Amino acid sequence: MGRLPDEPRLAPMWLMPAVSPPQPASDCWLHPGVEVGTSPISGKGLFARTGLPAGTVVSRLGGHLVTWAQLRELFAEAAREGRYVDTVSVADDLHLVLPPRRPNGYGNHSCDPNLWWVDAYTLAARRDIAPGEEVTNDYGASTAVAEFRMDCACGSARCRGVVTGHDWQLPDLRERYGDHGIPLLLDRIRTTGSAAPTGSAPASVDGGEPAIPEPLRALITTTTAVELARVHSDQVVFPHRLVVDSPEDEDRRFPGWPTPVLVIADENQGVCSWGVPLGVAAPPVLVGGDLAGDAGTAIYAPDVSSFVAARRWDGTCLGREPLLQAQAAPLDEESLAYLRANFDERPPTRGWPAQEQLRFERDGARILLWSGDDQCDWWLSGTGDAVLGETAARLLDLSDLRSSFWSNDVAGEALLDRLR
């Protein structure tokens, strides 16, 4: 649901019910040791005034349940009166409407939260929480709508950059949170994780070939597939062949993913593969294989369109000459802050190469970063030598780029010699 600036907000919980949700309390409850304050994550947040030991119940949601038709009427009435409706969806056609302006709604998302769910409406401390610390929860543990997408700037080492309605299927989230999710979502996890149909059956047409998601069919034509694969010399799979990675396969391309995945492409040395989960109308693009951090499978891009845009952006950046490169120290906060303040940031991707791929551009210059725990690879190109030289000069004092920048052509090396 949308919200007004600095209004309370909660992660949407659009979940298909296996059982009727329990009746909520008539009002919300918040631990007396928690208060609202200005958040470095987003707007306002909740902060611990006192220490909260692990297991402490911090927030209980309450209110009344309404159908979608009733909720639409509430939205229309609130819009006419300039009010805000704070709501979360708990079933296919059942929504919890919180009493107006309760502080519980200010809880921000974090990819490494200190709260987690202990029942349908209750959040408790996942670990000991220190006084002054912001209390957060992971929206991925309570969100399953395929269309949900939210940019994340939580700042944690585990930050996924984008939170989507598919995150509950990520193996590392399921391993870290265990049974600490919304009960109805846990039921979905148990269903897909322990009794997932084999092969392409969940998304097949009359038991035959897999039903290809429309965004993939529309955007990844043969010409586009070859174009995108050329960026990193990858091997085209779709649409040349229909290959489905099944949860029952012994040698999986997408380890830990609970449902079948249609393979788009394979990395040129077999390190990883890209694909989309079947049975989803608007699927994310996954990357799976020998990924950094033992992730196994990660969401590379939130949708097919973002995947295509990122690959084309990379192709332009890497295809221009001269091209400056660096195998530098791990990306530090000061360098990242400088890039974000002085360049336009483009959507990131995750999983491979390295753990995160960051993109920046301005005035004809493009900067591509492959950021990992052990090092950060930099790629810099421009629409001309003047643009490239000016941009490189601005970057030389970041990280260890003054010594680590190099070029594979004479013009690039000459440019660096002049700058140094």
Protein backbone atom coordinates (compact mmCIF):
# COMPACT_ATOMS: atom_id res chain seq x y z
CA MET A 1 0.00 0.00 0.00
CA GLY A 2 1.13 3.56 -0.61
CA ARG A 3 1.80 5.98 2.20
CA LEU A 4 2.24 9.68 2.79
CA PRO A 5 5.76 11.05 3.50
CA ASP A 6 6.95 10.12 7.00
CA GLU A 7 3.73 8.22 7.65
CA PRO A 8 3.86 4.83 9.37
CA ARG A 9 4.33 1.90 7.02
CA LEU A 10 4.47 -1.85 7.22
CA ALA A 11 5.55 -4.44 4.68
CA PRO A 12 2.62 -5.62 2.54
CA MET A 13 1.68 -9.20 3.33
CA TRP A 14 -0.27 -10.46 0.33
CA LEU A 15 -0.40 -14.13 1.16
CA MET A 16 -2.60 -16.93 -0.11
CA PRO A 17 -4.17 -18.50 2.96
CA ALA A 18 -3.95 -22.18 3.77
CA VAL A 19 -5.95 -21.59 6.96
CA SER A 20 -8.00 -18.67 8.24
CA PRO A 21 -5.81 -16.09 9.99
CA PRO A 22 -6.33 -15.60 13.73
CA GLN A 23 -8.41 -12.65 14.87
CA PRO A 24 -6.20 -9.65 15.74
CA ALA A 25 -6.44 -7.58 18.90
CA SER A 26 -8.53 -4.43 18.62
CA ASP A 27 -5.48 -2.16 18.93
CA CYS A 28 -1.70 -2.24 18.45
CA TRP A 29 0.81 -2.62 21.26
CA LEU A 30 4.42 -1.38 21.27
CA HIS A 31 7.04 -2.12 23.89
CA PRO A 32 7.33 0.88 26.27
CA GLY A 33 11.10 0.88 25.72
CA VAL A 34 10.66 1.75 22.02
CA GLU A 35 10.02 5.21 20.56
CA VAL A 36 9.73 6.93 17.18
CA GLY A 37 12.73 8.89 15.91
CA THR A 38 14.43 10.12 12.74
CA SER A 39 15.87 7.17 10.83
CA PRO A 40 19.03 6.98 8.70
CA ILE A 41 17.26 4.29 6.67
CA SER A 42 14.11 6.16 5.67
CA GLY A 43 12.07 8.98 7.20
CA LYS A 44 11.10 8.01 10.71
CA GLY A 45 11.81 4.71 12.45
CA LEU A 46 11.49 2.92 15.75
CA PHE A 47 14.36 3.06 18.26
CA ALA A 48 15.10 1.23 21.50
CA ARG A 49 15.26 3.56 24.51
CA THR A 50 16.42 0.68 26.69
CA GLY A 51 18.16 -2.62 26.04
CA LEU A 52 15.88 -5.35 24.67
CA PRO A 53 17.10 -8.92 25.26
CA ALA A 54 16.68 -11.52 22.50
CA GLY A 55 13.16 -12.92 22.48
CA THR A 56 11.52 -9.78 23.87
CA VAL A 57 8.16 -9.07 22.23
CA VAL A 58 8.47 -5.60 20.67
CA SER A 59 5.41 -5.04 18.48
CA ARG A 60 1.93 -6.53 18.22
CA LEU A 61 -0.32 -5.40 15.38
CA GLY A 62 -4.03 -4.93 15.98
CA GLY A 63 -7.08 -3.45 14.36
CA HIS A 64 -9.92 -4.95 12.33
CA LEU A 65 -10.06 -7.21 9.29
CA VAL A 66 -11.78 -6.07 6.09
CA THR A 67 -12.23 -7.42 2.57
CA TRP A 68 -10.59 -5.81 -0.46
CA ALA A 69 -13.90 -4.23 -1.48
CA GLN A 70 -14.27 -2.69 1.98
CA LEU A 71 -10.66 -1.51 1.93
CA ARG A 72 -11.15 0.28 -1.37
CA GLU A 73 -14.06 2.20 0.17
CA LEU A 74 -11.85 3.16 3.13
CA PHE A 75 -9.13 4.41 0.76
CA ALA A 76 -11.63 6.51 -1.20
CA GLU A 77 -13.08 8.02 1.97
CA ALA A 78 -9.60 8.75 3.39
CA ALA A 79 -8.54 10.41 0.13
CA ARG A 80 -11.54 12.73 0.24
CA GLU A 81 -10.81 13.69 3.85
CA GLY A 82 -7.02 13.90 3.52
CA ARG A 83 -6.43 11.01 5.92
CA TYR A 84 -4.12 8.01 5.76
CA VAL A 85 -5.13 4.35 6.06
CA ASP A 86 -2.43 2.10 7.54
CA THR A 87 -3.06 -1.47 6.45
CA VAL A 88 -1.43 -4.83 5.83
CA SER A 89 -2.88 -7.74 3.88
CA VAL A 90 -2.95 -11.06 5.69
CA ALA A 91 -4.81 -13.23 3.18
CA ASP A 92 -6.05 -13.27 -0.38
CA ASP A 93 -9.08 -11.14 0.42
CA LEU A 94 -8.54 -10.17 4.03
CA HIS A 95 -6.71 -7.08 5.25
CA LEU A 96 -5.79 -5.76 8.67
CA VAL A 97 -6.54 -2.04 9.10
CA LEU A 98 -4.60 -0.51 11.98
CA PRO A 99 -6.09 2.23 14.16
CA PRO A 100 -4.94 5.65 12.88
CA ARG A 101 -1.31 6.75 13.33
CA ARG A 102 -0.07 4.02 15.61
CA PRO A 103 3.74 4.12 16.10
CA ASN A 104 4.10 0.42 15.12
CA GLY A 105 3.76 1.45 11.49
CA TYR A 106 7.08 3.31 11.56
CA GLY A 107 9.08 0.06 11.64
CA ASN A 108 11.65 0.17 8.83
CA HIS A 109 12.96 -2.70 6.73
CA SER A 110 16.48 -4.09 7.08
CA CYS A 111 18.09 -6.99 5.21
CA ASP A 112 19.75 -7.97 8.51
CA PRO A 113 17.00 -7.08 11.00
CA ASN A 114 16.98 -7.30 14.77
CA LEU A 115 13.29 -8.28 14.86
CA TRP A 116 11.53 -11.28 13.41
CA TRP A 117 8.02 -12.71 13.34
CA VAL A 118 6.85 -15.07 16.06
CA ASP A 119 3.20 -15.28 14.99
CA ALA A 120 0.79 -13.68 12.51
CA TYR A 121 0.87 -10.23 14.14
CA THR A 122 3.84 -10.24 16.54
CA LEU A 123 7.49 -9.17 16.13
CA ALA A 124 10.12 -10.07 18.74
CA ALA A 125 13.83 -9.33 19.20
CA ARG A 126 15.93 -11.64 17.04
CA ARG A 127 19.01 -10.84 19.12
CA ASP A 128 19.94 -8.49 21.95
CA ILE A 129 19.14 -4.90 20.96
CA ALA A 130 21.23 -2.08 22.43
CA PRO A 131 19.80 1.25 23.66
CA GLY A 132 19.59 3.74 20.79
CA GLU A 133 19.55 1.04 18.11
CA GLU A 134 16.88 1.21 15.41
CA VAL A 135 14.53 -1.78 15.53
CA THR A 136 13.81 -3.25 12.09
CA ASN A 137 12.30 -6.26 10.38
CA ASP A 138 12.86 -7.89 6.99
CA TYR A 139 9.90 -7.27 4.69
CA GLY A 140 11.04 -10.31 2.70
CA ALA A 141 9.84 -12.53 5.56
CA SER A 142 6.29 -11.24 5.20
CA THR A 143 5.88 -10.33 1.51
CA ALA A 144 4.99 -12.75 -1.28
CA VAL A 145 3.20 -10.70 -3.92
CA ALA A 146 5.12 -11.12 -7.18
CA GLU A 147 4.74 -7.45 -8.15
CA PHE A 148 6.09 -6.04 -4.87
CA ARG A 149 9.40 -4.19 -5.28
CA MET A 150 11.09 -1.72 -2.95
CA ASP A 151 14.53 -0.15 -3.22
CA CYS A 152 16.52 -0.71 -0.04
CA ALA A 153 19.16 1.48 1.59
CA CYS A 154 19.29 -0.23 4.97
CA GLY A 155 23.10 -0.05 5.01
CA SER A 156 23.64 -3.53 6.43
CA ALA A 157 26.38 -5.79 5.11
CA ARG A 158 23.63 -8.12 3.86
CA CYS A 159 21.72 -5.37 2.02
CA ARG A 160 20.02 -6.81 -1.06
CA GLY A 161 19.53 -3.38 -2.61
CA VAL A 162 16.04 -4.30 -3.76
CA VAL A 163 13.36 -6.10 -1.74
CA THR A 164 10.89 -8.09 -3.82
CA GLY A 165 7.92 -10.37 -3.41
CA HIS A 166 10.17 -13.29 -4.32
CA ASP A 167 12.71 -12.85 -1.51
CA TRP A 168 10.98 -15.39 0.73
CA GLN A 169 12.22 -18.05 -1.70
CA LEU A 170 15.90 -17.11 -1.23
CA PRO A 171 17.71 -20.04 0.41
CA ASP A 172 19.82 -17.85 2.70
CA LEU A 173 16.73 -16.02 4.06
CA ARG A 174 14.98 -19.30 4.71
CA GLU A 175 18.06 -20.65 6.47
CA ARG A 176 18.59 -17.53 8.62
CA TYR A 177 14.99 -17.00 9.68
CA GLY A 178 13.77 -20.59 9.91
CA ASP A 179 10.21 -20.55 11.26
CA HIS A 180 10.24 -16.82 12.01
CA GLY A 181 7.97 -15.57 9.26
CA ILE A 182 4.28 -14.94 8.82
CA PRO A 183 2.56 -18.33 9.41
CA LEU A 184 0.72 -18.30 6.11
CA LEU A 185 3.98 -17.60 4.27
CA LEU A 186 5.69 -20.38 6.21
CA ASP A 187 2.98 -22.71 4.97
CA ARG A 188 3.81 -21.70 1.41
CA ILE A 189 7.51 -22.32 2.06
CA ARG A 190 6.81 -25.77 3.46
CA THR A 191 4.61 -26.59 0.48
CA THR A 192 7.10 -25.49 -2.18
CA GLY A 193 10.18 -26.62 -0.29
CA SER A 194 9.21 -30.16 0.66
CA ALA A 195 6.76 -31.12 -2.03
CA ALA A 196 7.75 -29.12 -5.09
CA PRO A 197 6.56 -30.76 -8.32
CA THR A 198 9.35 -31.99 -10.52
CA GLY A 199 10.54 -30.79 -13.91
CA SER A 200 8.47 -28.10 -15.60
CA ALA A 201 5.07 -29.37 -14.45
CA PRO A 202 4.15 -26.30 -12.31
CA ALA A 203 4.27 -24.10 -15.40
CA SER A 204 3.61 -26.37 -18.33
CA VAL A 205 0.99 -26.35 -21.04
CA ASP A 206 -1.01 -29.60 -21.06
CA GLY A 207 1.93 -31.35 -19.40
CA GLY A 208 4.25 -30.49 -22.29
CA GLU A 209 6.71 -27.66 -22.75
CA PRO A 210 7.00 -25.09 -19.93
CA ALA A 211 4.74 -22.05 -20.17
CA ILE A 212 7.25 -19.30 -20.83
CA PRO A 213 6.60 -16.15 -18.74
CA GLU A 214 5.33 -13.40 -21.04
CA PRO A 215 8.04 -10.83 -20.08
CA LEU A 216 10.71 -13.36 -21.06
CA ARG A 217 9.02 -14.23 -24.33
CA ALA A 218 8.54 -10.57 -25.21
CA LEU A 219 11.97 -9.22 -24.23
CA ILE A 220 14.45 -12.06 -24.84
CA THR A 221 14.26 -12.65 -28.57
CA THR A 222 17.02 -14.57 -30.35
CA THR A 223 18.69 -11.32 -31.40
CA THR A 224 18.49 -9.86 -27.88
CA ALA A 225 19.78 -13.07 -26.29
CA VAL A 226 22.87 -13.04 -28.51
CA GLU A 227 23.39 -9.31 -27.83
CA LEU A 228 23.24 -9.77 -24.05
CA ALA A 229 25.43 -12.88 -24.03
CA ARG A 230 28.12 -11.05 -26.02
CA VAL A 231 28.70 -8.62 -23.12
CA HIS A 232 30.53 -11.29 -21.08
CA SER A 233 30.88 -13.99 -23.77
CA ASP A 234 28.18 -16.06 -22.09
CA GLN A 235 26.43 -19.05 -23.68
CA VAL A 236 22.88 -18.50 -24.90
CA VAL A 237 20.33 -21.06 -23.70
CA PHE A 238 16.92 -19.41 -24.12
CA PRO A 239 15.38 -19.10 -26.69
CA HIS A 240 17.69 -21.50 -28.53
CA ARG A 241 16.75 -24.32 -26.12
CA LEU A 242 14.19 -24.82 -23.36
CA VAL A 243 16.16 -26.04 -20.33
CA VAL A 244 14.44 -26.35 -16.95
CA ASP A 245 16.46 -26.66 -13.73
CA SER A 246 14.38 -28.82 -11.37
CA PRO A 247 14.55 -29.02 -7.56
CA GLU A 248 15.05 -32.79 -7.97
CA ASP A 249 18.12 -32.46 -10.23
CA GLU A 250 21.29 -33.73 -8.55
CA ASP A 251 23.56 -31.17 -10.24
CA ARG A 252 21.51 -27.98 -9.98
CA ARG A 253 22.20 -24.72 -11.72
CA PHE A 254 20.18 -22.87 -9.04
CA PRO A 255 20.99 -24.56 -5.70
CA GLY A 256 18.38 -24.19 -3.01
CA TRP A 257 15.69 -22.53 -5.15
CA PRO A 258 12.46 -24.36 -4.28
CA THR A 259 10.75 -24.30 -7.70
CA PRO A 260 11.74 -25.10 -11.32
CA VAL A 261 13.77 -22.44 -13.14
CA LEU A 262 13.88 -21.82 -16.89
CA VAL A 263 17.52 -21.22 -17.87
CA ILE A 264 18.32 -18.07 -19.88
CA ALA A 265 22.12 -18.30 -20.22
CA ASP A 266 25.24 -19.99 -18.83
CA GLU A 267 28.43 -18.17 -17.85
CA ASN A 268 31.21 -18.87 -20.36
CA GLN A 269 33.23 -21.06 -17.98
CA GLY A 270 30.26 -22.71 -16.29
CA VAL A 271 30.58 -20.74 -13.03
CA CYS A 272 26.91 -19.76 -12.92
CA SER A 273 23.66 -19.49 -14.86
CA TRP A 274 20.81 -17.01 -15.19
CA GLY A 275 17.15 -17.96 -15.30
CA VAL A 276 13.58 -17.18 -14.25
CA PRO A 277 11.38 -19.21 -11.86
CA LEU A 278 8.46 -20.85 -13.62
CA GLY A 279 4.88 -20.40 -12.54
CA VAL A 280 5.29 -16.66 -11.91
CA ALA A 281 3.67 -14.09 -14.18
CA ALA A 282 6.30 -11.39 -13.54
CA PRO A 283 9.38 -13.35 -12.45
CA PRO A 284 12.69 -12.01 -11.19
CA VAL A 285 15.91 -13.06 -12.91
CA LEU A 286 17.97 -15.43 -10.77
CA VAL A 287 21.66 -16.19 -10.87
CA GLY A 288 22.80 -19.51 -9.47
CA GLY A 289 25.98 -21.54 -9.18
CA ASP A 290 29.39 -20.99 -7.58
CA LEU A 291 28.57 -17.55 -6.20
CA ALA A 292 30.61 -15.48 -3.77
CA GLY A 293 29.63 -15.91 -0.13
CA ASP A 294 28.22 -19.42 -0.71
CA ALA A 295 24.86 -17.91 -1.64
CA GLY A 296 24.10 -20.68 -4.18
CA THR A 297 21.25 -18.70 -5.75
CA ALA A 298 20.49 -14.98 -5.65
CA ILE A 299 18.03 -12.59 -7.26
CA TYR A 300 20.16 -10.91 -9.92
CA ALA A 301 17.45 -8.46 -11.06
CA PRO A 302 13.86 -7.88 -9.90
CA ASP A 303 12.41 -8.50 -13.37
CA VAL A 304 13.35 -9.37 -16.95
CA SER A 305 13.25 -5.75 -18.09
CA SER A 306 15.82 -4.76 -15.44
CA PHE A 307 18.03 -7.69 -16.47
CA VAL A 308 18.01 -6.58 -20.11
CA ALA A 309 18.64 -2.93 -19.20
CA ALA A 310 21.56 -3.80 -16.91
CA ARG A 311 23.23 -6.02 -19.49
CA ARG A 312 22.87 -3.40 -22.20
CA TRP A 313 24.26 -0.73 -19.87
CA ASP A 314 27.25 -2.96 -19.11
CA GLY A 315 27.78 -3.64 -22.81
CA THR A 316 28.03 0.07 -23.56
CA CYS A 317 30.39 0.68 -20.63
CA LEU A 318 32.72 -2.23 -21.42
CA GLY A 319 32.58 -1.81 -25.20
CA ARG A 320 34.07 1.69 -25.37
CA GLU A 321 37.78 2.43 -25.80
CA PRO A 322 39.94 3.32 -24.10
CA LEU A 323 38.71 1.40 -21.06
CA LEU A 324 40.25 1.90 -17.63
CA GLN A 325 40.20 -0.98 -15.14
CA ALA A 326 41.25 -1.64 -11.56
CA GLN A 327 41.37 -4.57 -9.17
CA ALA A 328 41.11 -2.44 -6.08
CA ALA A 329 40.56 -2.82 -2.36
CA PRO A 330 37.02 -3.64 -1.15
CA LEU A 331 34.62 -0.76 -1.71
CA ASP A 332 34.67 1.54 1.32
CA GLU A 333 31.82 3.73 2.53
CA GLU A 334 33.63 6.97 1.72
CA SER A 335 34.17 6.00 -1.94
CA LEU A 336 30.57 4.81 -2.31
CA ALA A 337 29.26 8.03 -0.75
CA TYR A 338 31.37 10.09 -3.19
CA LEU A 339 30.03 8.18 -6.19
CA ARG A 340 26.43 8.59 -5.05
CA ALA A 341 26.90 12.30 -4.41
CA ASN A 342 28.64 13.09 -7.71
CA PHE A 343 27.17 10.64 -10.24
CA ASP A 344 23.76 9.29 -11.21
CA GLU A 345 23.29 5.79 -9.82
CA ARG A 346 21.69 3.16 -12.04
CA PRO A 347 19.92 0.01 -10.76
CA PRO A 348 22.32 -2.51 -9.20
CA THR A 349 22.35 -6.26 -9.75
CA ARG A 350 23.57 -9.03 -7.47
CA GLY A 351 25.17 -12.46 -7.28
CA TRP A 352 27.80 -12.47 -10.05
CA PRO A 353 30.38 -11.13 -10.88
CA ALA A 354 31.28 -10.59 -7.20
CA GLN A 355 28.42 -10.09 -4.76
CA GLU A 356 27.09 -6.81 -6.14
CA GLN A 357 27.34 -4.88 -9.39
CA LEU A 358 26.98 -1.11 -9.06
CA ARG A 359 26.55 1.35 -11.91
CA PHE A 360 27.10 5.11 -12.10
CA GLU A 361 27.09 7.59 -14.97
CA ARG A 362 27.30 11.29 -15.69
CA ASP A 363 28.07 13.51 -18.69
CA GLY A 364 29.01 10.60 -20.95
CA ALA A 365 31.08 8.66 -18.40
CA ARG A 366 30.13 5.22 -17.09
CA ILE A 367 31.51 3.52 -13.99
CA LEU A 368 30.85 -0.19 -13.38
CA LEU A 369 31.85 -1.80 -10.07
CA TRP A 370 31.97 -5.49 -9.19
CA SER A 371 31.99 -5.24 -5.42
CA GLY A 372 32.93 -8.18 -3.19
CA ASP A 373 34.26 -8.85 0.28
CA ASP A 374 37.87 -9.25 -0.88
CA GLN A 375 38.17 -6.71 -3.69
CA CYS A 376 36.26 -4.33 -5.94
CA ASP A 377 36.81 -4.34 -9.70
CA TRP A 378 36.34 -0.95 -11.37
CA TRP A 379 35.58 -0.31 -15.05
CA LEU A 380 35.55 3.23 -16.42
CA SER A 381 34.77 4.44 -19.94
CA GLY A 382 33.58 7.64 -21.60
CA THR A 383 32.21 9.04 -24.82
CA GLY A 384 35.62 10.54 -25.55
CA ASP A 385 39.13 11.00 -24.17
CA ALA A 386 38.26 14.33 -22.53
CA VAL A 387 35.28 12.86 -20.66
CA LEU A 388 37.30 9.81 -19.63
CA GLY A 389 40.26 11.87 -18.45
CA GLU A 390 38.13 14.29 -16.45
CA THR A 391 36.24 11.47 -14.74
CA ALA A 392 39.36 9.44 -14.00
CA ALA A 393 40.97 12.50 -12.40
CA ARG A 394 38.01 12.79 -10.03
CA LEU A 395 38.28 9.13 -9.03
CA LEU A 396 42.03 8.73 -8.51
CA ASP A 397 41.94 9.59 -4.83
CA LEU A 398 39.20 7.05 -4.08
CA SER A 399 40.21 3.71 -2.58
CA ASP A 400 43.62 2.72 -4.03
CA LEU A 401 42.74 3.69 -7.61
CA ARG A 402 45.78 5.93 -8.09
CA SER A 403 48.00 2.86 -8.04
CA SER A 404 45.59 0.16 -9.22
CA PHE A 405 44.04 1.77 -12.33
CA TRP A 406 45.39 0.32 -15.60
CA SER A 407 44.36 0.03 -19.25
CA ASN A 408 44.76 -2.64 -21.90
CA ASP A 409 45.49 -0.17 -24.69
CA VAL A 410 48.12 2.47 -25.40
CA ALA A 411 45.72 5.43 -25.30
CA GLY A 412 44.42 4.43 -21.88
CA GLU A 413 47.89 3.98 -20.40
CA ALA A 414 48.98 7.33 -21.85
CA LEU A 415 45.97 9.00 -20.24
CA LEU A 416 46.83 7.47 -16.83
CA ASP A 417 50.47 8.53 -17.15
CA ARG A 418 49.36 12.14 -17.68
CA LEU A 419 47.01 12.04 -14.67
CA ARG A 420 49.54 10.50 -12.32
